[in-house]
Amino acid sequence: MRIYLIGFMGTGKSTLGQYVADKWRVPFIDTDIVIESQTGMSIDGIFETRGEKEFRELEADVIRQTTIYEKALIATGGGLPCYFENMQWMNDHGITMHLSWKKEILMSNLIPQTSSRPLLKNLNTQEAEMKIEMMLEERMPYYEMSAITIEMSGDIENDILLLDKACKYIW
């Protein structure tokens, strides 16, 4: 069974997913890494030269490539569920798990990372907070379509255990 990790940027999909996939000895696929590998460009570079629309098209293509795996843990980009019927597609082809954080924890983690996040780049703290609020509001209806929601704590060891337990339930 394929498990698709979804959630806002910075919720640990890649970091936690890699840990748990290693433990279960299943393939770990990070859609951003696959896109970078297939295009030879960084995510930042794709946003800057090709734009968000083309990036979202690449995401949709990459997520559909995951059907070659019978069992895998797949970390998706934060916006991937919101485009091209991707959320419905993932629900039809595996189990979706929403990694959810309290907004305060998410903000405190993301604000220092604005320069490394294409959608937050060049924003001051107040602008970044407003943008995060707006994006959370837009994306939440898609995230809520997940089969499973895991309330993360912000403590990496505890969050690994939570994700591991959820995967154990599936596998």
C-alpha atoms as a PDB file:
ATOM      1  CA  MET A   1       0.000   0.000   0.000  1.00  0.00           C
ATOM      2  CA  ARG A   2       1.252   3.461  -0.898  1.00  0.00           C
ATOM      3  CA  ILE A   3       1.050   6.071   1.858  1.00  0.00           C
ATOM      4  CA  TYR A   4       0.997   9.711   0.758  1.00  0.00           C
ATOM      5  CA  LEU A   5       2.130  12.238   3.363  1.00  0.00           C
ATOM      6  CA  ILE A   6       0.444  15.567   2.893  1.00  0.00           C
ATOM      7  CA  GLY A   7       0.462  18.782   4.863  1.00  0.00           C
ATOM      8  CA  PHE A   8       1.650  22.338   4.856  1.00  0.00           C
ATOM      9  CA  MET A   9       5.274  23.193   4.114  1.00  0.00           C
ATOM     10  CA  GLY A  10       7.556  22.581   7.062  1.00  0.00           C
ATOM     11  CA  THR A  11       5.420  19.913   8.744  1.00  0.00           C
ATOM     12  CA  GLY A  12       8.112  17.247   8.500  1.00  0.00           C
ATOM     13  CA  LYS A  13       6.815  15.171   5.626  1.00  0.00           C
ATOM     14  CA  SER A  14      10.316  14.668   4.209  1.00  0.00           C
ATOM     15  CA  THR A  15      12.257  14.387   7.462  1.00  0.00           C
ATOM     16  CA  LEU A  16       9.827  12.175   9.360  1.00  0.00           C
ATOM     17  CA  GLY A  17       8.908  10.196   6.256  1.00  0.00           C
ATOM     18  CA  GLN A  18      12.533   9.245   5.583  1.00  0.00           C
ATOM     19  CA  TYR A  19      12.977   7.987   9.163  1.00  0.00           C
ATOM     20  CA  VAL A  20       9.848   5.860   9.080  1.00  0.00           C
ATOM     21  CA  ALA A  21      10.458   4.509   5.573  1.00  0.00           C
ATOM     22  CA  ASP A  22      13.959   3.428   6.641  1.00  0.00           C
ATOM     23  CA  LYS A  23      12.536   1.675   9.683  1.00  0.00           C
ATOM     24  CA  TRP A  24       9.965  -0.187   7.598  1.00  0.00           C
ATOM     25  CA  ARG A  25      12.460  -0.799   4.785  1.00  0.00           C
ATOM     26  CA  VAL A  26      10.124   0.587   2.150  1.00  0.00           C
ATOM     27  CA  PRO A  27      10.961   3.007  -0.648  1.00  0.00           C
ATOM     28  CA  PHE A  28      10.782   6.670   0.334  1.00  0.00           C
ATOM     29  CA  ILE A  29       9.864   9.094  -2.414  1.00  0.00           C
ATOM     30  CA  ASP A  30      10.015  12.856  -1.934  1.00  0.00           C
ATOM     31  CA  THR A  31       8.198  14.487  -4.847  1.00  0.00           C
ATOM     32  CA  ASP A  32      10.410  17.593  -4.674  1.00  0.00           C
ATOM     33  CA  ILE A  33      13.580  15.496  -4.955  1.00  0.00           C
ATOM     34  CA  VAL A  34      12.145  13.551  -7.892  1.00  0.00           C
ATOM     35  CA  ILE A  35      11.246  16.807  -9.652  1.00  0.00           C
ATOM     36  CA  GLU A  36      14.739  18.188  -9.070  1.00  0.00           C
ATOM     37  CA  SER A  37      16.266  14.965 -10.383  1.00  0.00           C
ATOM     38  CA  GLN A  38      14.056  14.822 -13.476  1.00  0.00           C
ATOM     39  CA  THR A  39      14.481  18.497 -14.404  1.00  0.00           C
ATOM     40  CA  GLY A  40      18.068  19.043 -13.270  1.00  0.00           C
ATOM     41  CA  MET A  41      16.853  22.189 -11.504  1.00  0.00           C
ATOM     42  CA  SER A  42      16.204  23.177  -7.892  1.00  0.00           C
ATOM     43  CA  ILE A  43      12.626  23.820  -6.800  1.00  0.00           C
ATOM     44  CA  ASP A  44      13.609  27.462  -6.337  1.00  0.00           C
ATOM     45  CA  GLY A  45      14.981  27.517  -9.884  1.00  0.00           C
ATOM     46  CA  ILE A  46      11.805  26.015 -11.311  1.00  0.00           C
ATOM     47  CA  PHE A  47       9.668  28.623  -9.544  1.00  0.00           C
ATOM     48  CA  GLU A  48      11.927  31.436 -10.745  1.00  0.00           C
ATOM     49  CA  THR A  49      12.320  30.371 -14.377  1.00  0.00           C
ATOM     50  CA  ARG A  50       9.214  28.342 -15.181  1.00  0.00           C
ATOM     51  CA  GLY A  51       6.711  29.621 -12.617  1.00  0.00           C
ATOM     52  CA  GLU A  52       4.395  27.978 -10.126  1.00  0.00           C
ATOM     53  CA  LYS A  53       1.946  26.682 -12.755  1.00  0.00           C
ATOM     54  CA  GLU A  54       4.590  24.546 -14.460  1.00  0.00           C
ATOM     55  CA  PHE A  55       5.894  23.370 -11.080  1.00  0.00           C
ATOM     56  CA  ARG A  56       2.369  22.196 -10.159  1.00  0.00           C
ATOM     57  CA  GLU A  57       2.133  20.324 -13.466  1.00  0.00           C
ATOM     58  CA  LEU A  58       5.433  18.587 -12.712  1.00  0.00           C
ATOM     59  CA  GLU A  59       4.116  17.613  -9.260  1.00  0.00           C
ATOM     60  CA  ALA A  60       0.965  16.096 -10.766  1.00  0.00           C
ATOM     61  CA  ASP A  61       3.062  14.068 -13.191  1.00  0.00           C
ATOM     62  CA  VAL A  62       5.459  12.850 -10.487  1.00  0.00           C
ATOM     63  CA  ILE A  63       2.698  11.803  -8.089  1.00  0.00           C
ATOM     64  CA  ARG A  64       1.149   9.667 -10.824  1.00  0.00           C
ATOM     65  CA  GLN A  65       4.505   7.963 -11.404  1.00  0.00           C
ATOM     66  CA  THR A  66       4.339   6.521  -7.872  1.00  0.00           C
ATOM     67  CA  THR A  67       2.020   3.724  -8.986  1.00  0.00           C
ATOM     68  CA  ILE A  68       5.135   1.748  -9.938  1.00  0.00           C
ATOM     69  CA  TYR A  69       5.536   1.117  -6.202  1.00  0.00           C
ATOM     70  CA  GLU A  70       3.254  -1.353  -4.523  1.00  0.00           C
ATOM     71  CA  LYS A  71       4.376  -0.252  -1.052  1.00  0.00           C
ATOM     72  CA  ALA A  72       6.045   3.104  -0.426  1.00  0.00           C
ATOM     73  CA  LEU A  73       6.007   6.198   1.733  1.00  0.00           C
ATOM     74  CA  ILE A  74       5.655   9.324  -0.391  1.00  0.00           C
ATOM     75  CA  ALA A  75       6.231  12.886   0.843  1.00  0.00           C
ATOM     76  CA  THR A  76       4.365  15.446  -1.229  1.00  0.00           C
ATOM     77  CA  GLY A  77       4.812  19.174  -1.575  1.00  0.00           C
ATOM     78  CA  GLY A  78       2.536  21.296   0.594  1.00  0.00           C
ATOM     79  CA  GLY A  79       0.476  22.531  -2.340  1.00  0.00           C
ATOM     80  CA  LEU A  80       0.352  19.291  -4.328  1.00  0.00           C
ATOM     81  CA  PRO A  81      -3.060  18.151  -2.979  1.00  0.00           C
ATOM     82  CA  CYS A  82      -4.667  21.403  -4.159  1.00  0.00           C
ATOM     83  CA  TYR A  83      -4.146  21.047  -7.913  1.00  0.00           C
ATOM     84  CA  PHE A  84      -5.188  18.801 -10.814  1.00  0.00           C
ATOM     85  CA  GLU A  85      -7.445  16.594  -8.673  1.00  0.00           C
ATOM     86  CA  ASN A  86      -4.279  15.289  -6.969  1.00  0.00           C
ATOM     87  CA  MET A  87      -5.978  14.759  -3.610  1.00  0.00           C
ATOM     88  CA  GLN A  88      -8.689  12.578  -5.098  1.00  0.00           C
ATOM     89  CA  TRP A  89      -6.090  10.733  -7.161  1.00  0.00           C
ATOM     90  CA  MET A  90      -3.957   9.970  -4.069  1.00  0.00           C
ATOM     91  CA  ASN A  91      -7.024   8.802  -2.134  1.00  0.00           C
ATOM     92  CA  ASP A  92      -7.886   6.485  -5.037  1.00  0.00           C
ATOM     93  CA  HIS A  93      -4.353   5.057  -5.278  1.00  0.00           C
ATOM     94  CA  GLY A  94      -3.257   4.788  -1.660  1.00  0.00           C
ATOM     95  CA  ILE A  95      -3.795   6.140   1.835  1.00  0.00           C
ATOM     96  CA  THR A  96      -3.355   9.843   2.541  1.00  0.00           C
ATOM     97  CA  MET A  97      -2.010  11.021   5.888  1.00  0.00           C
ATOM     98  CA  HIS A  98      -2.205  14.678   6.818  1.00  0.00           C
ATOM     99  CA  LEU A  99       0.612  15.766   9.127  1.00  0.00           C
ATOM    100  CA  SER A 100      -1.015  18.609  11.040  1.00  0.00           C
ATOM    101  CA  TRP A 101       0.667  21.088  13.364  1.00  0.00           C
ATOM    102  CA  LYS A 102      -0.706  23.821  15.560  1.00  0.00           C
ATOM    103  CA  LYS A 103      -0.461  27.116  13.710  1.00  0.00           C
ATOM    104  CA  GLU A 104       1.815  28.660  16.365  1.00  0.00           C
ATOM    105  CA  ILE A 105       4.398  25.881  16.051  1.00  0.00           C
ATOM    106  CA  LEU A 106       4.215  26.003  12.277  1.00  0.00           C
ATOM    107  CA  MET A 107       4.749  29.770  12.232  1.00  0.00           C
ATOM    108  CA  SER A 108       7.699  29.623  14.624  1.00  0.00           C
ATOM    109  CA  ASN A 109       9.351  26.983  12.429  1.00  0.00           C
ATOM    110  CA  LEU A 110       8.623  28.580   9.045  1.00  0.00           C
ATOM    111  CA  ILE A 111       9.305  32.273   9.655  1.00  0.00           C
ATOM    112  CA  PRO A 112      13.098  31.747  10.031  1.00  0.00           C
ATOM    113  CA  GLN A 113      13.055  29.683   6.784  1.00  0.00           C
ATOM    114  CA  THR A 114      11.421  32.208   4.456  1.00  0.00           C
ATOM    115  CA  SER A 115      14.508  32.548   2.255  1.00  0.00           C
ATOM    116  CA  SER A 116      14.474  28.795   1.505  1.00  0.00           C
ATOM    117  CA  ARG A 117      10.739  28.583   0.752  1.00  0.00           C
ATOM    118  CA  PRO A 118       9.811  29.723  -2.792  1.00  0.00           C
ATOM    119  CA  LEU A 119       6.339  30.937  -1.821  1.00  0.00           C
ATOM    120  CA  LEU A 120       7.692  32.939   1.145  1.00  0.00           C
ATOM    121  CA  LYS A 121      10.871  34.241  -0.434  1.00  0.00           C
ATOM    122  CA  ASN A 122      11.589  37.953  -0.068  1.00  0.00           C
ATOM    123  CA  LEU A 123       8.755  38.482   2.443  1.00  0.00           C
ATOM    124  CA  ASN A 124       9.298  40.209   5.765  1.00  0.00           C
ATOM    125  CA  THR A 125       7.981  38.548   8.932  1.00  0.00           C
ATOM    126  CA  GLN A 126       4.569  40.204   8.845  1.00  0.00           C
ATOM    127  CA  GLU A 127       4.092  39.480   5.129  1.00  0.00           C
ATOM    128  CA  ALA A 128       5.188  35.859   5.617  1.00  0.00           C
ATOM    129  CA  GLU A 129       2.745  35.385   8.505  1.00  0.00           C
ATOM    130  CA  MET A 130      -0.099  36.797   6.399  1.00  0.00           C
ATOM    131  CA  LYS A 131       0.857  34.610   3.425  1.00  0.00           C
ATOM    132  CA  ILE A 132       1.031  31.478   5.624  1.00  0.00           C
ATOM    133  CA  GLU A 133      -2.393  32.278   7.129  1.00  0.00           C
ATOM    134  CA  MET A 134      -3.889  32.749   3.660  1.00  0.00           C
ATOM    135  CA  MET A 135      -2.327  29.567   2.248  1.00  0.00           C
ATOM    136  CA  LEU A 136      -3.412  27.501   5.268  1.00  0.00           C
ATOM    137  CA  GLU A 137      -6.971  28.707   4.804  1.00  0.00           C
ATOM    138  CA  GLU A 138      -6.913  27.868   1.086  1.00  0.00           C
ATOM    139  CA  ARG A 139      -5.309  24.453   1.521  1.00  0.00           C
ATOM    140  CA  MET A 140      -7.113  23.158   4.594  1.00  0.00           C
ATOM    141  CA  PRO A 141     -10.188  21.872   2.692  1.00  0.00           C
ATOM    142  CA  TYR A 142      -7.844  19.648   0.649  1.00  0.00           C
ATOM    143  CA  TYR A 143      -5.877  18.482   3.682  1.00  0.00           C
ATOM    144  CA  GLU A 144      -9.151  17.607   5.411  1.00  0.00           C
ATOM    145  CA  MET A 145      -9.892  15.127   2.610  1.00  0.00           C
ATOM    146  CA  SER A 146      -7.130  12.889   4.026  1.00  0.00           C
ATOM    147  CA  ALA A 147      -7.949   9.409   5.164  1.00  0.00           C
ATOM    148  CA  ILE A 148      -5.931  10.005   8.351  1.00  0.00           C
ATOM    149  CA  THR A 149      -4.911  13.175  10.176  1.00  0.00           C
ATOM    150  CA  ILE A 150      -2.027  13.033  12.637  1.00  0.00           C
ATOM    151  CA  GLU A 151      -1.743  15.878  15.119  1.00  0.00           C
ATOM    152  CA  MET A 152       1.994  16.414  15.345  1.00  0.00           C
ATOM    153  CA  SER A 153       3.622  17.774  18.509  1.00  0.00           C
ATOM    154  CA  GLY A 154       6.683  19.526  17.124  1.00  0.00           C
ATOM    155  CA  ASP A 155       8.959  17.126  19.018  1.00  0.00           C
ATOM    156  CA  ILE A 156      10.771  15.082  16.366  1.00  0.00           C
ATOM    157  CA  GLU A 157      11.110  11.891  18.431  1.00  0.00           C
ATOM    158  CA  ASN A 158       7.445  11.938  19.406  1.00  0.00           C
ATOM    159  CA  ASP A 159       6.370  12.790  15.863  1.00  0.00           C
ATOM    160  CA  ILE A 160       8.382   9.892  14.430  1.00  0.00           C
ATOM    161  CA  LEU A 161       6.591   7.571  16.850  1.00  0.00           C
ATOM    162  CA  LEU A 162       3.200   8.986  15.831  1.00  0.00           C
ATOM    163  CA  LEU A 163       3.898   8.511  12.118  1.00  0.00           C
ATOM    164  CA  ASP A 164       5.388   5.066  12.710  1.00  0.00           C
ATOM    165  CA  LYS A 165       2.294   3.986  14.621  1.00  0.00           C
ATOM    166  CA  ALA A 166       0.002   5.231  11.840  1.00  0.00           C
ATOM    167  CA  CYS A 167       2.069   3.371   9.213  1.00  0.00           C
ATOM    168  CA  LYS A 168       1.965   0.219  11.316  1.00  0.00           C
ATOM    169  CA  TYR A 169      -1.812   0.443  11.205  1.00  0.00           C
ATOM    170  CA  ILE A 170      -1.706   0.510   7.394  1.00  0.00           C
ATOM    171  CA  TRP A 171       1.078  -1.997   6.790  1.00  0.00           C
END
